[in-house]
């Protein structure tokens, strides 16, 4: 069973429409900001981080080769000479190996995080796309419907109520359907008896 709407203020509907427009602008801005942040994060992970650590692996491999080469030279020089120590070169090789291992672990970690990030972005897109679609198309339709409602209510409020016989001034003569005006006769005396003719 339908119920009558109780519209107390047309201005309230216009204020609501303005609030809707403001909400849509803010929501569009928020969605756009999130999309930009996701692209920035993806580029940072796929391009900056992966490229950086892959380059570090190459550089640290070269550093390890150089450290091993220095150790080999030192060991050759130390043969037959107990005063020459290769402790410093061995420590350099150990440090170079440790740094290389860290870079290799970083590369593997980044490669593992890239598909994880893609999965999370896809989940977000599946949730945010309906809102974005409504803000792009459905919202305009909703605004048009609301505007029609406001105009209809304003037109209804502008209507004037029709004038009825009750609104006529007191004592005025009633006009019959054929346009002849009839006047009320003399009032009957109290008691309801007809008045006697004059001269009796």
N, C-alpha and C. Protein backbone atom coordinates (compact mmCIF):
# COMPACT_ATOMS: atom_id res chain seq x y z
N UNK A 1 0.86 -1.19 0.00
CA UNK A 1 0.00 0.00 0.00
C UNK A 1 0.90 1.24 0.00
N UNK A 2 0.66 2.15 -0.95
CA UNK A 2 1.48 3.34 -1.06
C UNK A 2 1.12 4.34 0.02
N UNK A 3 2.09 5.16 0.40
CA UNK A 3 1.88 6.19 1.40
C UNK A 3 2.16 7.54 0.79
N UNK A 4 1.45 8.56 1.31
CA UNK A 4 1.65 9.92 0.81
C UNK A 4 3.00 10.45 1.30
N UNK A 5 3.69 11.19 0.42
CA UNK A 5 4.96 11.81 0.81
C UNK A 5 4.68 13.08 1.59
N UNK A 6 5.45 13.33 2.63
CA UNK A 6 5.31 14.54 3.44
C UNK A 6 6.50 15.44 3.14
N UNK A 7 6.36 16.28 2.11
CA UNK A 7 7.41 17.21 1.74
C UNK A 7 7.20 18.51 2.48
N UNK A 8 8.09 18.83 3.40
CA UNK A 8 7.93 20.02 4.22
C UNK A 8 8.70 21.21 3.65
N UNK A 9 9.69 20.96 2.82
CA UNK A 9 10.48 22.05 2.29
C UNK A 9 11.08 21.65 0.95
N UNK A 10 10.73 22.37 -0.11
CA UNK A 10 11.32 22.14 -1.43
C UNK A 10 12.78 22.57 -1.41
N UNK A 11 13.10 23.59 -0.61
CA UNK A 11 14.49 24.05 -0.51
C UNK A 11 15.38 22.96 0.06
N UNK A 12 14.79 22.14 0.94
CA UNK A 12 15.58 21.03 1.49
C UNK A 12 16.00 20.06 0.38
N UNK A 13 15.13 19.84 -0.60
CA UNK A 13 15.49 18.99 -1.73
C UNK A 13 16.59 19.62 -2.57
N UNK A 14 16.52 20.93 -2.75
CA UNK A 14 17.57 21.60 -3.51
C UNK A 14 18.90 21.54 -2.75
N UNK A 15 18.84 21.69 -1.43
CA UNK A 15 20.06 21.57 -0.63
C UNK A 15 20.63 20.15 -0.73
N UNK A 16 19.72 19.17 -0.74
CA UNK A 16 20.16 17.78 -0.88
C UNK A 16 20.83 17.56 -2.23
N UNK A 17 20.29 18.15 -3.27
CA UNK A 17 20.90 18.03 -4.60
C UNK A 17 22.30 18.63 -4.60
N UNK A 18 22.45 19.80 -3.97
CA UNK A 18 23.77 20.42 -3.91
C UNK A 18 24.76 19.55 -3.14
N UNK A 19 24.28 18.91 -2.07
CA UNK A 19 25.14 18.01 -1.30
C UNK A 19 25.53 16.79 -2.13
N UNK A 20 24.60 16.30 -2.93
CA UNK A 20 24.91 15.16 -3.80
C UNK A 20 26.00 15.53 -4.80
N UNK A 21 25.90 16.72 -5.39
CA UNK A 21 26.90 17.16 -6.36
C UNK A 21 28.27 17.26 -5.69
N UNK A 22 28.30 17.83 -4.47
CA UNK A 22 29.56 17.95 -3.76
C UNK A 22 30.14 16.57 -3.42
N UNK A 23 29.27 15.64 -3.02
CA UNK A 23 29.73 14.29 -2.70
C UNK A 23 30.35 13.63 -3.93
N UNK A 24 29.70 13.77 -5.07
CA UNK A 24 30.20 13.14 -6.30
C UNK A 24 31.56 13.71 -6.68
N UNK A 25 31.71 15.03 -6.56
CA UNK A 25 33.00 15.63 -6.89
C UNK A 25 34.09 15.09 -5.97
N UNK A 26 33.79 14.99 -4.68
CA UNK A 26 34.79 14.48 -3.73
C UNK A 26 35.07 13.00 -3.98
N UNK A 27 34.02 12.23 -4.29
CA UNK A 27 34.22 10.80 -4.54
C UNK A 27 35.04 10.58 -5.80
N UNK A 28 34.75 11.34 -6.85
CA UNK A 28 35.55 11.21 -8.07
C UNK A 28 37.01 11.57 -7.81
N UNK A 29 37.23 12.62 -7.03
CA UNK A 29 38.59 13.00 -6.69
C UNK A 29 39.31 11.92 -5.90
N UNK A 30 38.57 11.30 -4.96
CA UNK A 30 39.18 10.23 -4.16
C UNK A 30 39.54 9.03 -5.02
N UNK A 31 38.63 8.61 -5.89
CA UNK A 31 38.92 7.47 -6.77
C UNK A 31 40.10 7.77 -7.69
N UNK A 32 40.14 8.98 -8.21
CA UNK A 32 41.25 9.35 -9.08
C UNK A 32 42.56 9.34 -8.32
N UNK A 33 42.52 9.84 -7.07
CA UNK A 33 43.74 9.85 -6.26
C UNK A 33 44.24 8.46 -5.94
N UNK A 34 43.31 7.55 -5.65
CA UNK A 34 43.71 6.16 -5.37
C UNK A 34 44.30 5.52 -6.61
N UNK A 35 43.69 5.76 -7.77
CA UNK A 35 44.23 5.19 -9.02
C UNK A 35 45.66 5.68 -9.29
N UNK A 36 45.89 6.97 -9.05
CA UNK A 36 47.23 7.51 -9.25
C UNK A 36 48.22 6.89 -8.27
N UNK A 37 47.79 6.70 -7.03
CA UNK A 37 48.68 6.10 -6.03
C UNK A 37 49.00 4.65 -6.37
N UNK A 38 48.01 3.92 -6.88
CA UNK A 38 48.26 2.53 -7.27
C UNK A 38 49.24 2.45 -8.43
N UNK A 39 49.08 3.34 -9.41
CA UNK A 39 50.02 3.35 -10.53
C UNK A 39 51.43 3.71 -10.05
N UNK A 40 51.51 4.67 -9.13
CA UNK A 40 52.82 5.06 -8.61
C UNK A 40 53.47 3.89 -7.87
N UNK A 41 52.70 3.17 -7.07
CA UNK A 41 53.23 2.04 -6.33
C UNK A 41 53.68 0.92 -7.27
N UNK A 42 52.88 0.66 -8.29
CA UNK A 42 53.25 -0.39 -9.25
C UNK A 42 54.52 -0.03 -9.99
N UNK A 43 54.64 1.23 -10.42
CA UNK A 43 55.85 1.65 -11.12
C UNK A 43 57.06 1.59 -10.19
N UNK A 44 56.86 2.01 -8.95
CA UNK A 44 57.97 1.99 -7.99
C UNK A 44 58.46 0.57 -7.75
N UNK A 45 57.54 -0.39 -7.66
CA UNK A 45 57.92 -1.77 -7.37
C UNK A 45 58.51 -2.45 -8.61
N UNK A 46 57.83 -2.29 -9.76
CA UNK A 46 58.25 -3.01 -10.96
C UNK A 46 59.47 -2.39 -11.63
N UNK A 47 59.55 -1.08 -11.60
CA UNK A 47 60.63 -0.41 -12.33
C UNK A 47 61.76 0.01 -11.39
N UNK A 48 61.42 0.78 -10.37
CA UNK A 48 62.46 1.32 -9.51
C UNK A 48 63.13 0.25 -8.64
N UNK A 49 62.32 -0.46 -7.87
CA UNK A 49 62.90 -1.42 -6.93
C UNK A 49 63.53 -2.62 -7.64
N UNK A 50 62.79 -3.21 -8.58
CA UNK A 50 63.33 -4.37 -9.26
C UNK A 50 64.57 -4.02 -10.06
N UNK A 51 64.51 -2.91 -10.78
CA UNK A 51 65.67 -2.48 -11.56
C UNK A 51 66.85 -2.13 -10.67
N UNK A 52 66.57 -1.49 -9.53
CA UNK A 52 67.66 -1.10 -8.63
C UNK A 52 68.38 -2.32 -8.08
N UNK A 53 67.63 -3.30 -7.57
CA UNK A 53 68.28 -4.46 -6.95
C UNK A 53 68.91 -5.39 -7.98
N UNK A 54 68.34 -5.45 -9.17
CA UNK A 54 69.01 -6.23 -10.22
C UNK A 54 70.36 -5.61 -10.58
N UNK A 55 70.41 -4.30 -10.62
CA UNK A 55 71.67 -3.63 -10.89
C UNK A 55 72.66 -3.83 -9.73
N UNK A 56 72.12 -3.84 -8.49
CA UNK A 56 72.98 -4.07 -7.34
C UNK A 56 73.58 -5.48 -7.37
N UNK A 57 72.80 -6.45 -7.84
CA UNK A 57 73.33 -7.81 -7.94
C UNK A 57 74.54 -7.83 -8.88
N UNK A 58 74.44 -7.18 -10.02
CA UNK A 58 75.55 -7.16 -10.97
C UNK A 58 76.77 -6.47 -10.37
N UNK A 59 76.54 -5.32 -9.74
CA UNK A 59 77.66 -4.58 -9.15
C UNK A 59 78.32 -5.37 -8.02
N UNK A 60 77.52 -6.02 -7.21
CA UNK A 60 78.08 -6.76 -6.09
C UNK A 60 78.74 -8.05 -6.54
N UNK A 61 78.29 -8.61 -7.65
CA UNK A 61 79.00 -9.75 -8.22
C UNK A 61 80.40 -9.32 -8.68
N UNK A 62 80.46 -8.15 -9.30
CA UNK A 62 81.77 -7.63 -9.72
C UNK A 62 82.65 -7.34 -8.51
N UNK A 63 82.03 -6.78 -7.46
CA UNK A 63 82.81 -6.49 -6.25
C UNK A 63 83.34 -7.78 -5.63
N UNK A 64 82.53 -8.83 -5.64
CA UNK A 64 82.98 -10.11 -5.09
C UNK A 64 84.12 -10.69 -5.93
N UNK A 65 84.03 -10.59 -7.23
CA UNK A 65 85.10 -11.09 -8.11
C UNK A 65 86.39 -10.33 -7.83
N UNK A 66 86.28 -9.02 -7.65
CA UNK A 66 87.48 -8.22 -7.37
C UNK A 66 88.08 -8.60 -6.02
N UNK A 67 87.21 -8.81 -5.03
CA UNK A 67 87.71 -9.19 -3.71
C UNK A 67 88.40 -10.55 -3.75
N UNK A 68 87.84 -11.47 -4.49
CA UNK A 68 88.47 -12.79 -4.61
C UNK A 68 89.80 -12.70 -5.37
N UNK A 69 89.81 -11.83 -6.36
CA UNK A 69 91.06 -11.66 -7.12
C UNK A 69 92.16 -11.10 -6.22
N UNK A 70 91.80 -10.12 -5.38
CA UNK A 70 92.77 -9.55 -4.45
C UNK A 70 93.24 -10.59 -3.44
N UNK A 71 92.31 -11.44 -3.01
CA UNK A 71 92.69 -12.49 -2.06
C UNK A 71 93.67 -13.48 -2.71
N UNK A 72 93.39 -13.84 -3.94
CA UNK A 72 94.28 -14.79 -4.64
C UNK A 72 95.67 -14.21 -4.81
N UNK A 73 95.77 -12.93 -5.17
CA UNK A 73 97.07 -12.28 -5.31
C UNK A 73 97.81 -12.25 -3.98
N UNK A 74 97.01 -11.96 -2.92
CA UNK A 74 97.64 -11.89 -1.61
C UNK A 74 98.15 -13.26 -1.17
N UNK A 75 97.40 -14.29 -1.43
CA UNK A 75 97.81 -15.64 -1.04
C UNK A 75 99.05 -16.09 -1.80
N UNK A 76 99.15 -15.70 -3.10
CA UNK A 76 100.34 -16.03 -3.88
C UNK A 76 101.57 -15.33 -3.29
N UNK A 77 101.34 -14.07 -2.93
CA UNK A 77 102.46 -13.31 -2.36
C UNK A 77 102.87 -13.83 -0.99
N UNK A 78 101.92 -14.43 -0.27
CA UNK A 78 102.20 -14.90 1.10
C UNK A 78 102.90 -16.24 1.14
N UNK A 79 102.98 -16.91 0.02
CA UNK A 79 103.64 -18.22 0.01
C UNK A 79 105.13 -18.07 0.31
N UNK A 80 105.55 -18.79 1.29
CA UNK A 80 106.96 -18.74 1.69
C UNK A 80 107.32 -17.53 2.49
N UNK A 81 106.33 -16.66 2.80
CA UNK A 81 106.61 -15.45 3.59
C UNK A 81 105.55 -15.34 4.69
N UNK A 82 105.90 -15.71 5.86
CA UNK A 82 104.95 -15.73 6.97
C UNK A 82 104.57 -14.34 7.46
N UNK A 83 105.31 -13.35 7.07
CA UNK A 83 105.01 -11.99 7.52
C UNK A 83 103.85 -11.36 6.75
N UNK A 84 103.45 -11.94 5.64
CA UNK A 84 102.34 -11.40 4.83
C UNK A 84 101.04 -12.11 5.23
N UNK A 85 100.04 -11.34 5.59
CA UNK A 85 98.75 -11.90 6.02
C UNK A 85 97.66 -11.60 4.98
N UNK A 86 96.79 -12.54 4.83
CA UNK A 86 95.65 -12.34 3.90
C UNK A 86 94.32 -12.16 4.65
N UNK A 87 94.40 -11.83 5.93
CA UNK A 87 93.18 -11.69 6.76
C UNK A 87 92.27 -10.59 6.21
N UNK A 88 92.87 -9.48 5.84
CA UNK A 88 92.06 -8.35 5.35
C UNK A 88 91.36 -8.72 4.05
N UNK A 89 91.99 -9.41 3.18
CA UNK A 89 91.39 -9.79 1.90
C UNK A 89 90.27 -10.83 2.11
N UNK A 90 90.48 -11.74 3.06
CA UNK A 90 89.42 -12.71 3.36
C UNK A 90 88.18 -12.03 3.93
N UNK A 91 88.40 -11.04 4.76
CA UNK A 91 87.26 -10.29 5.32
C UNK A 91 86.53 -9.52 4.22
N UNK A 92 87.27 -8.99 3.28
CA UNK A 92 86.64 -8.27 2.16
C UNK A 92 85.80 -9.22 1.32
N UNK A 93 86.27 -10.44 1.11
CA UNK A 93 85.49 -11.43 0.37
C UNK A 93 84.22 -11.79 1.13
N UNK A 94 84.33 -11.96 2.44
CA UNK A 94 83.16 -12.30 3.26
C UNK A 94 82.10 -11.20 3.18
N UNK A 95 82.54 -9.97 3.30
CA UNK A 95 81.59 -8.83 3.24
C UNK A 95 80.96 -8.73 1.85
N UNK A 96 81.73 -8.94 0.80
CA UNK A 96 81.21 -8.87 -0.56
C UNK A 96 80.18 -9.97 -0.81
N UNK A 97 80.44 -11.15 -0.28
CA UNK A 97 79.48 -12.25 -0.42
C UNK A 97 78.17 -11.94 0.33
N UNK A 98 78.29 -11.35 1.49
CA UNK A 98 77.11 -11.01 2.27
C UNK A 98 76.26 -9.95 1.56
N UNK A 99 76.93 -8.95 1.02
CA UNK A 99 76.20 -7.90 0.30
C UNK A 99 75.52 -8.47 -0.95
N UNK A 100 76.20 -9.37 -1.64
CA UNK A 100 75.59 -9.98 -2.82
C UNK A 100 74.36 -10.80 -2.43
N UNK A 101 74.45 -11.52 -1.35
CA UNK A 101 73.32 -12.34 -0.90
C UNK A 101 72.12 -11.46 -0.55
N UNK A 102 72.37 -10.33 0.08
CA UNK A 102 71.28 -9.41 0.41
C UNK A 102 70.60 -8.90 -0.87
N UNK A 103 71.38 -8.52 -1.86
CA UNK A 103 70.81 -8.00 -3.11
C UNK A 103 70.00 -9.08 -3.82
N UNK A 104 70.49 -10.30 -3.83
CA UNK A 104 69.76 -11.39 -4.47
C UNK A 104 68.44 -11.67 -3.74
N UNK A 105 68.46 -11.59 -2.42
CA UNK A 105 67.22 -11.77 -1.66
C UNK A 105 66.23 -10.67 -1.95
N UNK A 106 66.71 -9.45 -2.12
CA UNK A 106 65.83 -8.33 -2.44
C UNK A 106 65.16 -8.53 -3.80
N UNK A 107 65.93 -9.02 -4.77
CA UNK A 107 65.36 -9.27 -6.09
C UNK A 107 64.25 -10.31 -6.00
N UNK A 108 64.47 -11.38 -5.27
CA UNK A 108 63.46 -12.42 -5.12
C UNK A 108 62.23 -11.90 -4.38
N UNK A 109 62.45 -11.06 -3.39
CA UNK A 109 61.32 -10.49 -2.64
C UNK A 109 60.47 -9.58 -3.52
N UNK A 110 61.12 -8.74 -4.31
CA UNK A 110 60.38 -7.84 -5.20
C UNK A 110 59.59 -8.63 -6.22
N UNK A 111 60.22 -9.65 -6.80
CA UNK A 111 59.51 -10.48 -7.77
C UNK A 111 58.31 -11.19 -7.15
N UNK A 112 58.41 -11.50 -5.88
CA UNK A 112 57.29 -12.15 -5.20
C UNK A 112 56.17 -11.15 -4.90
N UNK A 113 56.55 -9.91 -4.62
CA UNK A 113 55.54 -8.89 -4.26
C UNK A 113 54.79 -8.36 -5.48
N UNK A 114 55.38 -8.41 -6.67
CA UNK A 114 54.73 -7.85 -7.86
C UNK A 114 53.40 -8.54 -8.16
N UNK A 115 53.32 -9.87 -8.27
CA UNK A 115 52.01 -10.49 -8.52
C UNK A 115 51.04 -10.29 -7.35
N UNK A 116 51.56 -10.21 -6.13
CA UNK A 116 50.69 -9.95 -4.98
C UNK A 116 50.05 -8.57 -5.11
N UNK A 117 50.84 -7.58 -5.50
CA UNK A 117 50.30 -6.23 -5.70
C UNK A 117 49.27 -6.21 -6.82
N UNK A 118 49.54 -6.91 -7.92
CA UNK A 118 48.59 -6.97 -9.03
C UNK A 118 47.26 -7.58 -8.58
N UNK A 119 47.33 -8.60 -7.75
CA UNK A 119 46.12 -9.24 -7.24
C UNK A 119 45.31 -8.28 -6.38
N UNK A 120 46.00 -7.54 -5.51
CA UNK A 120 45.30 -6.59 -4.64
C UNK A 120 44.69 -5.45 -5.44
N UNK A 121 45.39 -5.00 -6.48
CA UNK A 121 44.84 -3.93 -7.33
C UNK A 121 43.59 -4.42 -8.05
N UNK A 122 43.62 -5.66 -8.53
CA UNK A 122 42.45 -6.22 -9.22
C UNK A 122 41.26 -6.32 -8.26
N UNK A 123 41.50 -6.73 -7.01
CA UNK A 123 40.42 -6.79 -6.03
C UNK A 123 39.83 -5.41 -5.77
N UNK A 124 40.69 -4.42 -5.65
CA UNK A 124 40.20 -3.06 -5.43
C UNK A 124 39.38 -2.57 -6.62
N UNK A 125 39.86 -2.85 -7.83
CA UNK A 125 39.15 -2.41 -9.03
C UNK A 125 37.75 -3.04 -9.10
N UNK A 126 37.64 -4.31 -8.73
CA UNK A 126 36.34 -4.98 -8.78
C UNK A 126 35.36 -4.36 -7.79
N UNK A 127 35.87 -3.81 -6.70
CA UNK A 127 34.99 -3.19 -5.70
C UNK A 127 34.68 -1.73 -6.04
N UNK A 128 35.63 -1.02 -6.61
CA UNK A 128 35.45 0.40 -6.86
C UNK A 128 34.80 0.70 -8.21
N UNK A 129 34.86 -0.24 -9.14
CA UNK A 129 34.31 0.01 -10.48
C UNK A 129 32.81 0.32 -10.46
N UNK A 130 31.97 -0.42 -9.68
CA UNK A 130 30.55 -0.06 -9.67
C UNK A 130 30.30 1.37 -9.21
N UNK A 131 31.03 1.81 -8.19
CA UNK A 131 30.87 3.19 -7.73
C UNK A 131 31.31 4.16 -8.80
N UNK A 132 32.44 3.89 -9.43
CA UNK A 132 32.91 4.77 -10.50
C UNK A 132 31.94 4.83 -11.67
N UNK A 133 31.35 3.69 -12.02
CA UNK A 133 30.38 3.67 -13.12
C UNK A 133 29.14 4.50 -12.77
N UNK A 134 28.69 4.38 -11.53
CA UNK A 134 27.49 5.14 -11.12
C UNK A 134 27.80 6.63 -11.09
N UNK A 135 29.00 7.00 -10.63
CA UNK A 135 29.37 8.41 -10.60
C UNK A 135 29.48 8.97 -12.01
N UNK A 136 29.80 8.12 -12.98
CA UNK A 136 29.94 8.58 -14.36
C UNK A 136 28.61 8.69 -15.09
N UNK A 137 27.70 7.73 -14.87
CA UNK A 137 26.45 7.72 -15.62
C UNK A 137 25.20 7.75 -14.77
N UNK A 138 25.10 6.83 -13.83
CA UNK A 138 23.88 6.73 -13.04
C UNK A 138 23.60 7.96 -12.21
N UNK A 139 24.64 8.65 -11.78
CA UNK A 139 24.42 9.83 -10.95
C UNK A 139 23.72 10.93 -11.72
N UNK A 140 24.09 11.11 -12.99
CA UNK A 140 23.44 12.14 -13.80
C UNK A 140 21.94 11.86 -13.93
N UNK A 141 21.59 10.60 -14.06
CA UNK A 141 20.18 10.23 -14.14
C UNK A 141 19.48 10.53 -12.83
N UNK A 142 20.12 10.25 -11.71
CA UNK A 142 19.54 10.53 -10.40
C UNK A 142 19.33 12.01 -10.20
N UNK A 143 20.29 12.82 -10.65
CA UNK A 143 20.14 14.27 -10.53
C UNK A 143 18.97 14.77 -11.37
N UNK A 144 18.82 14.22 -12.57
CA UNK A 144 17.70 14.62 -13.41
C UNK A 144 16.37 14.26 -12.79
N UNK A 145 16.27 13.08 -12.19
CA UNK A 145 15.04 12.68 -11.52
C UNK A 145 14.73 13.60 -10.36
N UNK A 146 15.74 13.94 -9.57
CA UNK A 146 15.53 14.83 -8.43
C UNK A 146 15.10 16.21 -8.89
N UNK A 147 15.68 16.70 -9.97
CA UNK A 147 15.31 18.02 -10.48
C UNK A 147 13.85 18.02 -10.96
N UNK A 148 13.42 16.93 -11.61
CA UNK A 148 12.02 16.84 -12.03
C UNK A 148 11.08 16.86 -10.83
N UNK A 149 11.45 16.17 -9.77
CA UNK A 149 10.63 16.16 -8.56
C UNK A 149 10.50 17.56 -7.99
N UNK A 150 11.61 18.30 -7.94
CA UNK A 150 11.58 19.66 -7.39
C UNK A 150 10.69 20.55 -8.23
N UNK A 151 10.82 20.47 -9.55
CA UNK A 151 9.99 21.31 -10.43
C UNK A 151 8.50 20.96 -10.28
N UNK A 152 8.20 19.67 -10.20
CA UNK A 152 6.80 19.26 -10.04
C UNK A 152 6.21 19.79 -8.74
N UNK A 153 6.97 19.72 -7.67
CA UNK A 153 6.49 20.22 -6.38
C UNK A 153 6.31 21.73 -6.42
N UNK A 154 7.23 22.43 -7.05
CA UNK A 154 7.09 23.88 -7.14
C UNK A 154 5.87 24.27 -7.97
N UNK A 155 5.63 23.56 -9.07
CA UNK A 155 4.45 23.84 -9.87
C UNK A 155 3.17 23.54 -9.10
N UNK A 156 3.20 22.47 -8.30
CA UNK A 156 2.02 22.13 -7.49
C UNK A 156 1.76 23.20 -6.44
N UNK A 157 2.81 23.68 -5.78
CA UNK A 157 2.64 24.70 -4.75
C UNK A 157 2.19 26.04 -5.33
N UNK A 158 2.47 26.26 -6.61
CA UNK A 158 2.09 27.53 -7.24
C UNK A 158 0.62 27.55 -7.65
N UNK A 159 -0.05 26.41 -7.64
CA UNK A 159 -1.45 26.36 -8.01
C UNK A 159 -2.32 27.07 -6.97
N UNK A 160 -3.41 27.74 -7.43
CA UNK A 160 -4.36 28.41 -6.55
C UNK A 160 -5.58 27.52 -6.37
N UNK A 161 -6.08 27.44 -5.16
CA UNK A 161 -7.27 26.64 -4.89
C UNK A 161 -8.48 27.27 -5.56
N UNK A 162 -9.40 26.49 -6.17
CA UNK A 162 -10.60 27.06 -6.82
C UNK A 162 -11.56 27.67 -5.80
N UNK A 163 -12.29 28.76 -6.23
CA UNK A 163 -13.24 29.44 -5.35
C UNK A 163 -14.57 28.70 -5.37
N UNK A 164 -15.19 28.44 -4.20
CA UNK A 164 -16.47 27.74 -4.09
C UNK A 164 -17.54 28.68 -3.61
N UNK A 165 -18.86 28.20 -3.56
CA UNK A 165 -19.99 29.03 -3.11
C UNK A 165 -19.81 29.43 -1.66
N UNK A 166 -19.12 28.68 -0.89
CA UNK A 166 -18.92 29.02 0.50
C UNK A 166 -18.10 30.29 0.66
N UNK A 167 -17.34 30.59 -0.37
CA UNK A 167 -16.49 31.77 -0.30
C UNK A 167 -17.24 33.05 -0.63
N UNK A 168 -18.55 32.97 -1.11
CA UNK A 168 -19.30 34.16 -1.49
C UNK A 168 -19.65 34.96 -0.24
N UNK A 169 -19.76 36.32 -0.31
CA UNK A 169 -20.08 37.15 0.85
C UNK A 169 -21.49 36.84 1.38
N UNK A 170 -21.69 37.01 2.65
CA UNK A 170 -23.00 36.75 3.28
C UNK A 170 -24.03 37.77 2.81
N UNK A 171 -25.29 37.32 2.59
CA UNK A 171 -26.39 38.21 2.17
C UNK A 171 -26.51 38.40 0.69
N UNK A 172 -25.57 37.87 -0.08
CA UNK A 172 -25.67 38.03 -1.53
C UNK A 172 -26.70 37.06 -2.07
N UNK A 173 -27.36 37.46 -3.14
CA UNK A 173 -28.41 36.62 -3.72
C UNK A 173 -27.80 35.48 -4.47
N UNK A 174 -28.44 34.32 -4.43
CA UNK A 174 -27.99 33.13 -5.15
C UNK A 174 -28.54 33.15 -6.55
N UNK A 175 -27.72 32.83 -7.51
CA UNK A 175 -28.14 32.83 -8.91
C UNK A 175 -28.45 31.40 -9.31
N UNK A 176 -29.64 31.28 -9.93
CA UNK A 176 -30.08 29.96 -10.36
C UNK A 176 -29.30 29.53 -11.58
N UNK A 177 -29.54 28.30 -11.97
CA UNK A 177 -28.82 27.76 -13.11
C UNK A 177 -29.13 28.50 -14.38
N UNK A 178 -30.38 29.11 -14.52
CA UNK A 178 -30.72 29.81 -15.76
C UNK A 178 -30.36 31.27 -15.71
N UNK A 179 -29.66 31.70 -14.62
CA UNK A 179 -29.21 33.08 -14.58
C UNK A 179 -30.18 34.01 -13.90
N UNK A 180 -31.40 33.57 -13.43
CA UNK A 180 -32.38 34.43 -12.80
C UNK A 180 -32.05 34.52 -11.33
N UNK A 181 -32.05 35.76 -10.82
CA UNK A 181 -31.75 35.97 -9.42
C UNK A 181 -33.03 35.89 -8.62
N UNK A 182 -33.03 35.10 -7.57
CA UNK A 182 -34.20 34.98 -6.69
C UNK A 182 -33.87 35.56 -5.36
N UNK A 183 -34.90 36.31 -4.80
CA UNK A 183 -34.71 36.93 -3.48
C UNK A 183 -35.54 36.20 -2.48
N UNK A 184 -35.08 36.17 -1.28
CA UNK A 184 -35.81 35.48 -0.22
C UNK A 184 -37.02 36.31 0.17
N UNK A 185 -38.19 35.67 0.39
CA UNK A 185 -39.42 36.37 0.80
C UNK A 185 -39.34 36.78 2.24
N UNK A 186 -40.50 37.43 2.75
CA UNK A 186 -40.52 37.88 4.15
C UNK A 186 -40.44 36.68 5.06
N UNK A 187 -39.76 36.91 6.13
CA UNK A 187 -39.56 35.84 7.08
C UNK A 187 -40.85 35.52 7.79
N UNK A 188 -41.10 34.27 8.03
CA UNK A 188 -42.30 33.85 8.75
C UNK A 188 -42.15 34.21 10.21
N UNK A 189 -43.29 34.63 10.85
CA UNK A 189 -43.21 34.98 12.27
C UNK A 189 -42.90 33.75 13.09
N UNK A 190 -42.51 34.07 14.29
CA UNK A 190 -42.16 32.99 15.20
C UNK A 190 -43.34 32.07 15.40
N UNK A 191 -43.13 30.81 15.53
CA UNK A 191 -44.21 29.84 15.70
C UNK A 191 -44.54 29.13 14.45
N UNK A 192 -44.09 29.65 13.28
CA UNK A 192 -44.27 28.98 12.02
C UNK A 192 -45.59 29.27 11.34
N UNK A 193 -46.52 30.09 11.88
CA UNK A 193 -47.82 30.40 11.25
C UNK A 193 -47.64 31.44 10.20
N UNK A 194 -48.42 31.36 9.09
CA UNK A 194 -48.30 32.36 8.04
C UNK A 194 -48.86 33.69 8.48
N UNK A 195 -48.29 34.79 7.95
CA UNK A 195 -48.78 36.12 8.33
C UNK A 195 -50.15 36.38 7.76
N UNK A 196 -51.03 37.06 8.55
CA UNK A 196 -52.42 37.37 8.13
C UNK A 196 -52.40 38.48 7.13
N UNK A 197 -53.41 38.44 6.13
CA UNK A 197 -53.46 39.51 5.12
C UNK A 197 -53.80 40.84 5.79
N UNK A 198 -53.34 41.90 5.19
CA UNK A 198 -53.59 43.24 5.73
C UNK A 198 -55.05 43.60 5.62
N UNK A 199 -55.62 44.28 6.69
CA UNK A 199 -57.00 44.78 6.64
C UNK A 199 -57.98 43.83 7.24
N UNK A 200 -57.54 42.68 7.76
CA UNK A 200 -58.53 41.78 8.36
C UNK A 200 -58.60 42.01 9.81
